[in-house]
C-alpha atoms as a PDB file:
ATOM      1  CA  UNK A   1     -33.211-156.473  78.045  1.00  0.00           C
ATOM      2  CA  UNK A   2     -34.125-153.987  75.335  1.00  0.00           C
ATOM      3  CA  UNK A   3     -30.523-153.588  74.067  1.00  0.00           C
ATOM      4  CA  UNK A   4     -30.265-157.364  73.993  1.00  0.00           C
ATOM      5  CA  UNK A   5     -33.363-157.819  71.837  1.00  0.00           C
ATOM      6  CA  UNK A   6     -32.192-154.965  69.538  1.00  0.00           C
ATOM      7  CA  UNK A   7     -28.783-156.672  69.027  1.00  0.00           C
ATOM      8  CA  UNK A   8     -30.581-159.952  68.380  1.00  0.00           C
ATOM      9  CA  UNK A   9     -32.894-158.374  65.824  1.00  0.00           C
ATOM     10  CA  UNK A  10     -29.987-156.832  64.065  1.00  0.00           C
ATOM     11  CA  UNK A  11     -28.252-160.163  63.793  1.00  0.00           C
ATOM     12  CA  UNK A  12     -31.478-161.679  62.468  1.00  0.00           C
ATOM     13  CA  UNK A  13     -31.650-159.051  59.704  1.00  0.00           C
ATOM     14  CA  UNK A  14     -28.085-159.841  58.653  1.00  0.00           C
ATOM     15  CA  UNK A  15     -28.984-163.581  58.620  1.00  0.00           C
ATOM     16  CA  UNK A  16     -32.100-162.881  56.478  1.00  0.00           C
ATOM     17  CA  UNK A  17     -30.135-160.784  54.111  1.00  0.00           C
ATOM     18  CA  UNK A  18     -28.037-163.779  53.191  1.00  0.00           C
ATOM     19  CA  UNK A  19     -31.126-165.691  52.308  1.00  0.00           C
ATOM     20  CA  UNK A  20     -33.212-162.991  50.626  1.00  0.00           C
ATOM     21  CA  UNK A  21     -30.479-161.310  48.455  1.00  0.00           C
ATOM     22  CA  UNK A  22     -30.051-164.415  46.267  1.00  0.00           C
ATOM     23  CA  UNK A  23     -33.909-164.567  45.761  1.00  0.00           C
ATOM     24  CA  UNK A  24     -33.971-160.968  44.615  1.00  0.00           C
ATOM     25  CA  UNK A  25     -31.002-161.530  42.294  1.00  0.00           C
ATOM     26  CA  UNK A  26     -32.700-164.584  40.852  1.00  0.00           C
ATOM     27  CA  UNK A  27     -35.819-162.545  40.182  1.00  0.00           C
ATOM     28  CA  UNK A  28     -33.753-159.930  38.321  1.00  0.00           C
ATOM     29  CA  UNK A  29     -31.992-162.714  36.294  1.00  0.00           C
ATOM     30  CA  UNK A  30     -35.421-164.171  35.391  1.00  0.00           C
ATOM     31  CA  UNK A  31     -36.522-160.828  34.011  1.00  0.00           C
ATOM     32  CA  UNK A  32     -33.413-160.724  31.863  1.00  0.00           C
ATOM     33  CA  UNK A  33     -33.923-164.284  30.781  1.00  0.00           C
ATOM     34  CA  UNK A  34     -37.567-163.457  29.745  1.00  0.00           C
ATOM     35  CA  UNK A  35     -36.384-160.525  27.681  1.00  0.00           C
ATOM     36  CA  UNK A  36     -33.761-162.564  25.957  1.00  0.00           C
ATOM     37  CA  UNK A  37     -36.378-165.298  25.175  1.00  0.00           C
ATOM     38  CA  UNK A  38     -38.584-162.652  23.607  1.00  0.00           C
ATOM     39  CA  UNK A  39     -35.750-161.264  21.458  1.00  0.00           C
ATOM     40  CA  UNK A  40     -34.940-164.761  20.275  1.00  0.00           C
ATOM     41  CA  UNK A  41     -38.620-165.322  19.382  1.00  0.00           C
ATOM     42  CA  UNK A  42     -38.646-162.078  17.445  1.00  0.00           C
ATOM     43  CA  UNK A  43     -35.433-163.111  15.639  1.00  0.00           C
ATOM     44  CA  UNK A  44     -36.926-166.471  14.604  1.00  0.00           C
ATOM     45  CA  UNK A  45     -40.166-164.734  13.490  1.00  0.00           C
ATOM     46  CA  UNK A  46     -38.077-162.285  11.334  1.00  0.00           C
ATOM     47  CA  UNK A  47     -36.039-165.074   9.705  1.00  0.00           C
ATOM     48  CA  UNK A  48     -39.255-167.068   8.965  1.00  0.00           C
ATOM     49  CA  UNK A  49     -40.642-164.021   7.245  1.00  0.00           C
ATOM     50  CA  UNK A  50     -37.581-163.512   5.159  1.00  0.00           C
ATOM     51  CA  UNK A  51     -37.705-167.204   4.050  1.00  0.00           C
ATOM     52  CA  UNK A  52     -41.326-166.823   3.025  1.00  0.00           C
ATOM     53  CA  UNK A  53     -40.422-163.783   0.930  1.00  0.00           C
ATOM     54  CA  UNK A  54     -37.607-165.687  -0.675  1.00  0.00           C
ATOM     55  CA  UNK A  55     -39.865-168.551  -1.490  1.00  0.00           C
ATOM     56  CA  UNK A  56     -42.325-166.137  -3.185  1.00  0.00           C
ATOM     57  CA  UNK A  57     -39.617-164.575  -5.195  1.00  0.00           C
ATOM     58  CA  UNK A  58     -39.601-161.251  -3.476  1.00  0.00           C
ATOM     59  CA  UNK A  59     -36.117-161.637  -2.194  1.00  0.00           C
ATOM     60  CA  UNK A  60     -33.076-163.190  -3.868  1.00  0.00           C
ATOM     61  CA  UNK A  61     -30.379-165.097  -1.995  1.00  0.00           C
ATOM     62  CA  UNK A  62     -28.183-162.082  -1.445  1.00  0.00           C
ATOM     63  CA  UNK A  63     -31.111-160.061   0.100  1.00  0.00           C
ATOM     64  CA  UNK A  64     -32.009-163.140   2.251  1.00  0.00           C
ATOM     65  CA  UNK A  65     -28.538-163.281   3.636  1.00  0.00           C
ATOM     66  CA  UNK A  66     -28.417-159.570   4.201  1.00  0.00           C
ATOM     67  CA  UNK A  67     -31.859-159.590   6.034  1.00  0.00           C
ATOM     68  CA  UNK A  68     -30.761-162.566   8.136  1.00  0.00           C
ATOM     69  CA  UNK A  69     -27.473-160.951   9.173  1.00  0.00           C
ATOM     70  CA  UNK A  70     -29.262-157.653  10.121  1.00  0.00           C
ATOM     71  CA  UNK A  71     -31.708-159.640  12.282  1.00  0.00           C
ATOM     72  CA  UNK A  72     -28.805-161.417  13.974  1.00  0.00           C
ATOM     73  CA  UNK A  73     -27.057-158.137  14.685  1.00  0.00           C
ATOM     74  CA  UNK A  74     -30.219-156.791  16.271  1.00  0.00           C
ATOM     75  CA  UNK A  75     -30.615-159.904  18.440  1.00  0.00           C
ATOM     76  CA  UNK A  76     -26.934-159.693  19.432  1.00  0.00           C
ATOM     77  CA  UNK A  77     -27.314-156.094  20.408  1.00  0.00           C
ATOM     78  CA  UNK A  78     -30.451-156.766  22.495  1.00  0.00           C
ATOM     79  CA  UNK A  79     -28.849-159.695  24.335  1.00  0.00           C
ATOM     80  CA  UNK A  80     -25.380-158.193  24.938  1.00  0.00           C
ATOM     81  CA  UNK A  81     -24.440-158.043  28.565  1.00  0.00           C
ATOM     82  CA  UNK A  82     -26.978-160.593  29.668  1.00  0.00           C
ATOM     83  CA  UNK A  83     -25.370-163.379  31.857  1.00  0.00           C
ATOM     84  CA  UNK A  84     -26.075-166.918  31.116  1.00  0.00           C
ATOM     85  CA  UNK A  85     -29.060-168.132  33.260  1.00  0.00           C
ATOM     86  CA  UNK A  86     -28.014-170.088  36.389  1.00  0.00           C
ATOM     87  CA  UNK A  87     -30.072-173.016  37.549  1.00  0.00           C
ATOM     88  CA  UNK A  88     -30.552-173.104  41.354  1.00  0.00           C
ATOM     89  CA  UNK A  89     -29.975-176.583  42.796  1.00  0.00           C
ATOM     90  CA  UNK A  90     -32.069-175.824  45.948  1.00  0.00           C
ATOM     91  CA  UNK A  91     -35.153-174.707  44.010  1.00  0.00           C
ATOM     92  CA  UNK A  92     -36.941-171.379  44.374  1.00  0.00           C
ATOM     93  CA  UNK A  93     -39.138-172.099  47.340  1.00  0.00           C
ATOM     94  CA  UNK A  94     -36.355-173.070  49.643  1.00  0.00           C
ATOM     95  CA  UNK A  95     -34.756-169.621  50.311  1.00  0.00           C
ATOM     96  CA  UNK A  96     -38.202-168.080  51.181  1.00  0.00           C
ATOM     97  CA  UNK A  97     -39.019-171.122  53.421  1.00  0.00           C
ATOM     98  CA  UNK A  98     -35.609-170.712  55.173  1.00  0.00           C
ATOM     99  CA  UNK A  99     -36.210-167.000  55.678  1.00  0.00           C
ATOM    100  CA  UNK A 100     -39.313-167.830  57.538  1.00  0.00           C
ATOM    101  CA  UNK A 101     -38.061-170.929  59.483  1.00  0.00           C
ATOM    102  CA  UNK A 102     -34.761-169.325  60.673  1.00  0.00           C
ATOM    103  CA  UNK A 103     -36.156-166.583  62.876  1.00  0.00           C
ATOM    104  CA  UNK A 104     -39.035-168.878  64.178  1.00  0.00           C
ATOM    105  CA  UNK A 105     -36.676-171.740  65.013  1.00  0.00           C
ATOM    106  CA  UNK A 106     -34.053-169.299  66.486  1.00  0.00           C
ATOM    107  CA  UNK A 107     -36.605-167.733  68.787  1.00  0.00           C
ATOM    108  CA  UNK A 108     -38.113-171.122  69.936  1.00  0.00           C
ATOM    109  CA  UNK A 109     -34.617-172.579  70.642  1.00  0.00           C
ATOM    110  CA  UNK A 110     -33.520-169.478  72.562  1.00  0.00           C
ATOM    111  CA  UNK A 111     -36.739-169.454  74.652  1.00  0.00           C
ATOM    112  CA  UNK A 112     -36.207-173.235  75.410  1.00  0.00           C
ATOM    113  CA  UNK A 113     -32.331-173.366  75.931  1.00  0.00           C
ATOM    114  CA  UNK A 114     -31.537-169.688  76.387  1.00  0.00           C
ATOM    115  CA  UNK A 115     -30.892-167.685  79.624  1.00  0.00           C
ATOM    116  CA  UNK A 116     -32.901-164.592  79.388  1.00  0.00           C
ATOM    117  CA  UNK A 117     -34.032-164.899  82.974  1.00  0.00           C
ATOM    118  CA  UNK A 118     -30.427-165.154  84.123  1.00  0.00           C
ATOM    119  CA  UNK A 119     -29.421-162.179  82.039  1.00  0.00           C
ATOM    120  CA  UNK A 120     -32.187-160.189  83.744  1.00  0.00           C
ATOM    121  CA  UNK A 121     -31.153-161.357  87.190  1.00  0.00           C
ATOM    122  CA  UNK A 122     -27.518-160.369  86.500  1.00  0.00           C
ATOM    123  CA  UNK A 123     -28.725-156.864  85.656  1.00  0.00           C
ATOM    124  CA  UNK A 124     -30.762-156.677  88.782  1.00  0.00           C
ATOM    125  CA  UNK A 125     -28.006-157.808  91.108  1.00  0.00           C
ATOM    126  CA  UNK A 126     -25.725-155.135  89.656  1.00  0.00           C
ATOM    127  CA  UNK A 127     -28.033-152.601  91.486  1.00  0.00           C
ATOM    128  CA  UNK A 128     -28.423-152.485  95.162  1.00  0.00           C
ATOM    129  CA  UNK A 129     -31.785-153.647  96.551  1.00  0.00           C
ATOM    130  CA  UNK A 130     -34.111-151.144  97.986  1.00  0.00           C
ATOM    131  CA  UNK A 131     -35.504-153.391 100.719  1.00  0.00           C
ATOM    132  CA  UNK A 132     -35.018-156.812 102.323  1.00  0.00           C
ATOM    133  CA  UNK A 133     -38.110-158.080 100.442  1.00  0.00           C
ATOM    134  CA  UNK A 134     -36.624-157.087  97.139  1.00  0.00           C
ATOM    135  CA  UNK A 135     -33.347-158.786  98.029  1.00  0.00           C
ATOM    136  CA  UNK A 136     -35.333-161.960  99.048  1.00  0.00           C
ATOM    137  CA  UNK A 137     -37.242-161.874  95.729  1.00  0.00           C
ATOM    138  CA  UNK A 138     -34.125-161.643  93.711  1.00  0.00           C
ATOM    139  CA  UNK A 139     -32.483-164.506  95.559  1.00  0.00           C
ATOM    140  CA  UNK A 140     -35.646-166.684  95.276  1.00  0.00           C
ATOM    141  CA  UNK A 141     -35.675-166.176  91.459  1.00  0.00           C
ATOM    142  CA  UNK A 142     -31.941-166.781  91.285  1.00  0.00           C
ATOM    143  CA  UNK A 143     -32.445-170.105  93.046  1.00  0.00           C
ATOM    144  CA  UNK A 144     -35.348-170.999  90.709  1.00  0.00           C
ATOM    145  CA  UNK A 145     -33.113-170.167  87.662  1.00  0.00           C
ATOM    146  CA  UNK A 146     -30.030-171.986  89.073  1.00  0.00           C
ATOM    147  CA  UNK A 147     -31.290-174.722  91.574  1.00  0.00           C
ATOM    148  CA  UNK A 148     -27.858-176.328  91.665  1.00  0.00           C
ATOM    149  CA  UNK A 149     -26.140-173.191  92.890  1.00  0.00           C
ATOM    150  CA  UNK A 150     -25.026-173.867  96.485  1.00  0.00           C
ATOM    151  CA  UNK A 151     -23.952-170.175  96.982  1.00  0.00           C
ATOM    152  CA  UNK A 152     -27.380-168.924  95.944  1.00  0.00           C
ATOM    153  CA  UNK A 153     -29.159-171.432  98.342  1.00  0.00           C
ATOM    154  CA  UNK A 154     -26.846-170.499 101.166  1.00  0.00           C
ATOM    155  CA  UNK A 155     -27.405-166.723 100.915  1.00  0.00           C
ATOM    156  CA  UNK A 156     -31.166-167.305 100.527  1.00  0.00           C
ATOM    157  CA  UNK A 157     -31.049-169.334 103.723  1.00  0.00           C
ATOM    158  CA  UNK A 158     -29.208-166.540 105.523  1.00  0.00           C
ATOM    159  CA  UNK A 159     -31.819-164.066 104.232  1.00  0.00           C
ATOM    160  CA  UNK A 160     -34.590-166.261 105.549  1.00  0.00           C
ATOM    161  CA  UNK A 161     -33.049-166.314 109.013  1.00  0.00           C
ATOM    162  CA  UNK A 162     -32.733-162.571 108.950  1.00  0.00           C
ATOM    163  CA  UNK A 163     -36.520-162.409 108.141  1.00  0.00           C
ATOM    164  CA  UNK A 164     -37.280-164.728 111.027  1.00  0.00           C
ATOM    165  CA  UNK A 165     -38.262-167.645 108.599  1.00  0.00           C
ATOM    166  CA  UNK A 166     -36.226-170.538 110.169  1.00  0.00           C
ATOM    167  CA  UNK A 167     -38.289-173.214 108.596  1.00  0.00           C
ATOM    168  CA  UNK A 168     -37.564-172.028 105.053  1.00  0.00           C
ATOM    169  CA  UNK A 169     -33.952-171.317 105.972  1.00  0.00           C
ATOM    170  CA  UNK A 170     -33.520-174.891 107.269  1.00  0.00           C
ATOM    171  CA  UNK A 171     -34.750-176.257 103.871  1.00  0.00           C
ATOM    172  CA  UNK A 172     -32.200-174.053 101.986  1.00  0.00           C
ATOM    173  CA  UNK A 173     -29.285-175.128 104.318  1.00  0.00           C
ATOM    174  CA  UNK A 174     -30.261-178.706 103.806  1.00  0.00           C
ATOM    175  CA  UNK A 175     -30.172-178.268 100.057  1.00  0.00           C
ATOM    176  CA  UNK A 176     -26.914-176.435 100.331  1.00  0.00           C
ATOM    177  CA  UNK A 177     -25.311-179.244 102.249  1.00  0.00           C
ATOM    178  CA  UNK A 178     -26.513-181.752  99.759  1.00  0.00           C
ATOM    179  CA  UNK A 179     -24.670-179.723  97.027  1.00  0.00           C
ATOM    180  CA  UNK A 180     -21.597-178.464  98.678  1.00  0.00           C
ATOM    181  CA  UNK A 181     -20.910-181.241 101.077  1.00  0.00           C
ATOM    182  CA  UNK A 182     -21.153-181.593 104.872  1.00  0.00           C
ATOM    183  CA  UNK A 183     -18.955-178.638 105.817  1.00  0.00           C
ATOM    184  CA  UNK A 184     -18.965-177.737 109.498  1.00  0.00           C
ATOM    185  CA  UNK A 185     -20.065-174.160 108.873  1.00  0.00           C
ATOM    186  CA  UNK A 186     -23.040-175.259 106.734  1.00  0.00           C
ATOM    187  CA  UNK A 187     -24.010-177.920 109.300  1.00  0.00           C
ATOM    188  CA  UNK A 188     -23.930-175.349 112.025  1.00  0.00           C
ATOM    189  CA  UNK A 189     -26.259-173.048 110.060  1.00  0.00           C
ATOM    190  CA  UNK A 190     -28.559-175.833 109.301  1.00  0.00           C
ATOM    191  CA  UNK A 191     -28.655-176.880 113.017  1.00  0.00           C
ATOM    192  CA  UNK A 192     -29.438-173.352 114.169  1.00  0.00           C
ATOM    193  CA  UNK A 193     -32.230-172.953 111.641  1.00  0.00           C
ATOM    194  CA  UNK A 194     -33.697-176.251 112.545  1.00  0.00           C
ATOM    195  CA  UNK A 195     -33.632-175.467 116.208  1.00  0.00           C
ATOM    196  CA  UNK A 196     -35.702-172.312 115.816  1.00  0.00           C
ATOM    197  CA  UNK A 197     -37.900-173.925 113.187  1.00  0.00           C
ATOM    198  CA  UNK A 198     -38.800-176.460 115.804  1.00  0.00           C
ATOM    199  CA  UNK A 199     -39.820-173.779 118.336  1.00  0.00           C
ATOM    200  CA  UNK A 200     -36.441-173.820 120.173  1.00  0.00           C
ATOM    201  CA  UNK A 201     -36.875-177.397 121.000  1.00  0.00           C
ATOM    202  CA  UNK A 202     -33.699-179.483 121.087  1.00  0.00           C
ATOM    203  CA  UNK A 203     -34.065-182.728 118.954  1.00  0.00           C
ATOM    204  CA  UNK A 204     -31.979-185.647 117.862  1.00  0.00           C
ATOM    205  CA  UNK A 205     -31.487-184.137 114.484  1.00  0.00           C
ATOM    206  CA  UNK A 206     -30.194-180.824 115.868  1.00  0.00           C
ATOM    207  CA  UNK A 207     -27.861-182.792 118.203  1.00  0.00           C
ATOM    208  CA  UNK A 208     -26.616-184.890 115.345  1.00  0.00           C
ATOM    209  CA  UNK A 209     -25.785-181.878 113.163  1.00  0.00           C
ATOM    210  CA  UNK A 210     -24.056-179.977 115.920  1.00  0.00           C
ATOM    211  CA  UNK A 211     -22.164-183.102 116.954  1.00  0.00           C
ATOM    212  CA  UNK A 212     -21.017-183.641 113.315  1.00  0.00           C
ATOM    213  CA  UNK A 213     -20.005-180.027 112.917  1.00  0.00           C
ATOM    214  CA  UNK A 214     -18.002-179.855 116.006  1.00  0.00           C
ATOM    215  CA  UNK A 215     -16.425-183.208 115.383  1.00  0.00           C
ATOM    216  CA  UNK A 216     -15.048-181.876 112.131  1.00  0.00           C
ATOM    217  CA  UNK A 217     -14.229-178.420 113.478  1.00  0.00           C
ATOM    218  CA  UNK A 218     -14.250-178.088 117.305  1.00  0.00           C
ATOM    219  CA  UNK A 219     -14.086-174.282 116.841  1.00  0.00           C
ATOM    220  CA  UNK A 220     -17.307-174.036 114.707  1.00  0.00           C
ATOM    221  CA  UNK A 221     -18.826-170.869 116.181  1.00  0.00           C
ATOM    222  CA  UNK A 222     -22.491-171.345 115.099  1.00  0.00           C
ATOM    223  CA  UNK A 223     -22.711-174.756 116.787  1.00  0.00           C
ATOM    224  CA  UNK A 224     -20.958-173.489 119.872  1.00  0.00           C
ATOM    225  CA  UNK A 225     -23.369-170.465 120.186  1.00  0.00           C
ATOM    226  CA  UNK A 226     -26.374-172.735 119.510  1.00  0.00           C
ATOM    227  CA  UNK A 227     -25.328-175.156 122.256  1.00  0.00           C
ATOM    228  CA  UNK A 228     -24.928-172.409 124.581  1.00  0.00           C
ATOM    229  CA  UNK A 229     -28.369-171.065 123.857  1.00  0.00           C
ATOM    230  CA  UNK A 230     -29.902-174.577 124.205  1.00  0.00           C
ATOM    231  CA  UNK A 231     -28.074-175.043 127.602  1.00  0.00           C
ATOM    232  CA  UNK A 232     -29.247-171.669 128.841  1.00  0.00           C
ATOM    233  CA  UNK A 233     -32.851-172.426 127.788  1.00  0.00           C
ATOM    234  CA  UNK A 234     -32.550-175.667 129.672  1.00  0.00           C
ATOM    235  CA  UNK A 235     -31.350-173.934 132.783  1.00  0.00           C
ATOM    236  CA  UNK A 236     -27.910-175.656 132.412  1.00  0.00           C
ATOM    237  CA  UNK A 237     -26.040-172.318 133.107  1.00  0.00           C
ATOM    238  CA  UNK A 238     -22.595-173.713 133.607  1.00  0.00           C
ATOM    239  CA  UNK A 239     -22.799-175.630 130.373  1.00  0.00           C
ATOM    240  CA  UNK A 240     -23.960-172.389 128.601  1.00  0.00           C
ATOM    241  CA  UNK A 241     -20.961-170.516 130.070  1.00  0.00           C
ATOM    242  CA  UNK A 242     -18.656-173.165 128.920  1.00  0.00           C
ATOM    243  CA  UNK A 243     -19.974-173.162 125.289  1.00  0.00           C
ATOM    244  CA  UNK A 244     -19.975-169.312 125.205  1.00  0.00           C
ATOM    245  CA  UNK A 245     -16.462-169.160 126.581  1.00  0.00           C
ATOM    246  CA  UNK A 246     -15.302-171.470 123.803  1.00  0.00           C
ATOM    247  CA  UNK A 247     -17.140-169.250 121.324  1.00  0.00           C
ATOM    248  CA  UNK A 248     -15.573-166.020 122.681  1.00  0.00           C
ATOM    249  CA  UNK A 249     -12.160-167.694 122.399  1.00  0.00           C
ATOM    250  CA  UNK A 250     -12.614-167.925 118.656  1.00  0.00           C
ATOM    251  CA  UNK A 251     -13.704-164.367 118.143  1.00  0.00           C
ATOM    252  CA  UNK A 252     -11.286-161.360 117.591  1.00  0.00           C
ATOM    253  CA  UNK A 253     -10.667-159.240 120.731  1.00  0.00           C
ATOM    254  CA  UNK A 254     -13.482-156.771 121.623  1.00  0.00           C
ATOM    255  CA  UNK A 255     -15.948-158.618 119.567  1.00  0.00           C
ATOM    256  CA  UNK A 256     -19.339-159.306 120.900  1.00  0.00           C
ATOM    257  CA  UNK A 257     -21.319-162.127 119.182  1.00  0.00           C
ATOM    258  CA  UNK A 258     -24.812-161.300 118.080  1.00  0.00           C
ATOM    259  CA  UNK A 259     -27.301-163.928 118.896  1.00  0.00           C
ATOM    260  CA  UNK A 260     -30.627-164.275 117.145  1.00  0.00           C
ATOM    261  CA  UNK A 261     -33.510-162.184 118.619  1.00  0.00           C
ATOM    262  CA  UNK A 262     -35.479-164.094 121.127  1.00  0.00           C
ATOM    263  CA  UNK A 263     -32.699-166.691 121.234  1.00  0.00           C
ATOM    264  CA  UNK A 264     -32.449-166.334 124.975  1.00  0.00           C
ATOM    265  CA  UNK A 265     -35.945-165.747 126.641  1.00  0.00           C
ATOM    266  CA  UNK A 266     -35.466-164.939 130.332  1.00  0.00           C
ATOM    267  CA  UNK A 267     -37.943-166.548 132.689  1.00  0.00           C
ATOM    268  CA  UNK A 268     -38.552-166.119 136.413  1.00  0.00           C
ATOM    269  CA  UNK A 269     -35.800-168.781 137.237  1.00  0.00           C
ATOM    270  CA  UNK A 270     -33.340-167.175 134.700  1.00  0.00           C
ATOM    271  CA  UNK A 271     -33.702-163.719 136.306  1.00  0.00           C
ATOM    272  CA  UNK A 272     -32.657-164.946 139.703  1.00  0.00           C
ATOM    273  CA  UNK A 273     -29.503-163.352 141.172  1.00  0.00           C
ATOM    274  CA  UNK A 274     -27.499-166.597 141.709  1.00  0.00           C
ATOM    275  CA  UNK A 275     -28.012-167.651 138.103  1.00  0.00           C
ATOM    276  CA  UNK A 276     -27.044-164.226 136.777  1.00  0.00           C
ATOM    277  CA  UNK A 277     -23.987-164.162 138.941  1.00  0.00           C
ATOM    278  CA  UNK A 278     -22.624-167.272 137.086  1.00  0.00           C
ATOM    279  CA  UNK A 279     -22.683-165.518 133.747  1.00  0.00           C
ATOM    280  CA  UNK A 280     -19.545-163.618 132.609  1.00  0.00           C
ATOM    281  CA  UNK A 281     -20.051-159.780 132.973  1.00  0.00           C
ATOM    282  CA  UNK A 282     -17.445-158.815 130.359  1.00  0.00           C
ATOM    283  CA  UNK A 283     -17.691-159.456 126.731  1.00  0.00           C
ATOM    284  CA  UNK A 284     -21.002-161.459 127.133  1.00  0.00           C
ATOM    285  CA  UNK A 285     -23.139-162.285 124.127  1.00  0.00           C
ATOM    286  CA  UNK A 286     -25.807-159.694 123.405  1.00  0.00           C
ATOM    287  CA  UNK A 287     -29.001-160.253 121.632  1.00  0.00           C
ATOM    288  CA  UNK A 288     -29.726-158.513 118.314  1.00  0.00           C
ATOM    289  CA  UNK A 289     -33.375-157.496 118.161  1.00  0.00           C
END
């Protein structure tokens, strides 16, 4: 931000120069005008003195004309090169007042309508974050600066999920859907965050989100994975197998889907051999802890 303020200050000095240079020139012209007025006053005084001497009989008419001509030549020599005075239509106080108001108003308008915070965020995003907390802080400030950015909200929601903050993630995905539309991928992310935010309890809201996502795109992988998790948690193992098989069919070969940590919590019944035998042994989903 230092180079930005230096450039702004340079532009401000250029703008002020256009306002202050006429004021300085006018002061110089005023001094020339005062000197010319003094010379005229001296000329008039000299002519009056000559007239007095002529009336007293000290000077004749020829001497009077010679003295007047000499005084006129001196006045002309003193005023030679002096430009005619120019009258400013704006008045003298206005340039100085403008020189004060321009920077004050410019700074006030920039702070109100400017985007210094966005400039700073752009500089920060140009550098790789040192930690997940730093990345989260950047995204939060980006969302605060641009609350209508669906992309910023989406990435912040994904970051919250990575930090095991599903409640905050669900709010971000909800705002993303409101801005970007009810896209199947966004609905699936929202449903997944809401499911974990509710303590892995299946609700009508989560059901409605997954139904809407799969209706728009039957191959939406997040919804399929989430339904498989919910079925497994509910000990509906065959349904879980069906959902996960549908999920595996959408993935590239040799790809193992990564499920959220603690998504599948094995209990006594889940560890039984018959139930485990029903699960696919190859390319089965693994947990990322």
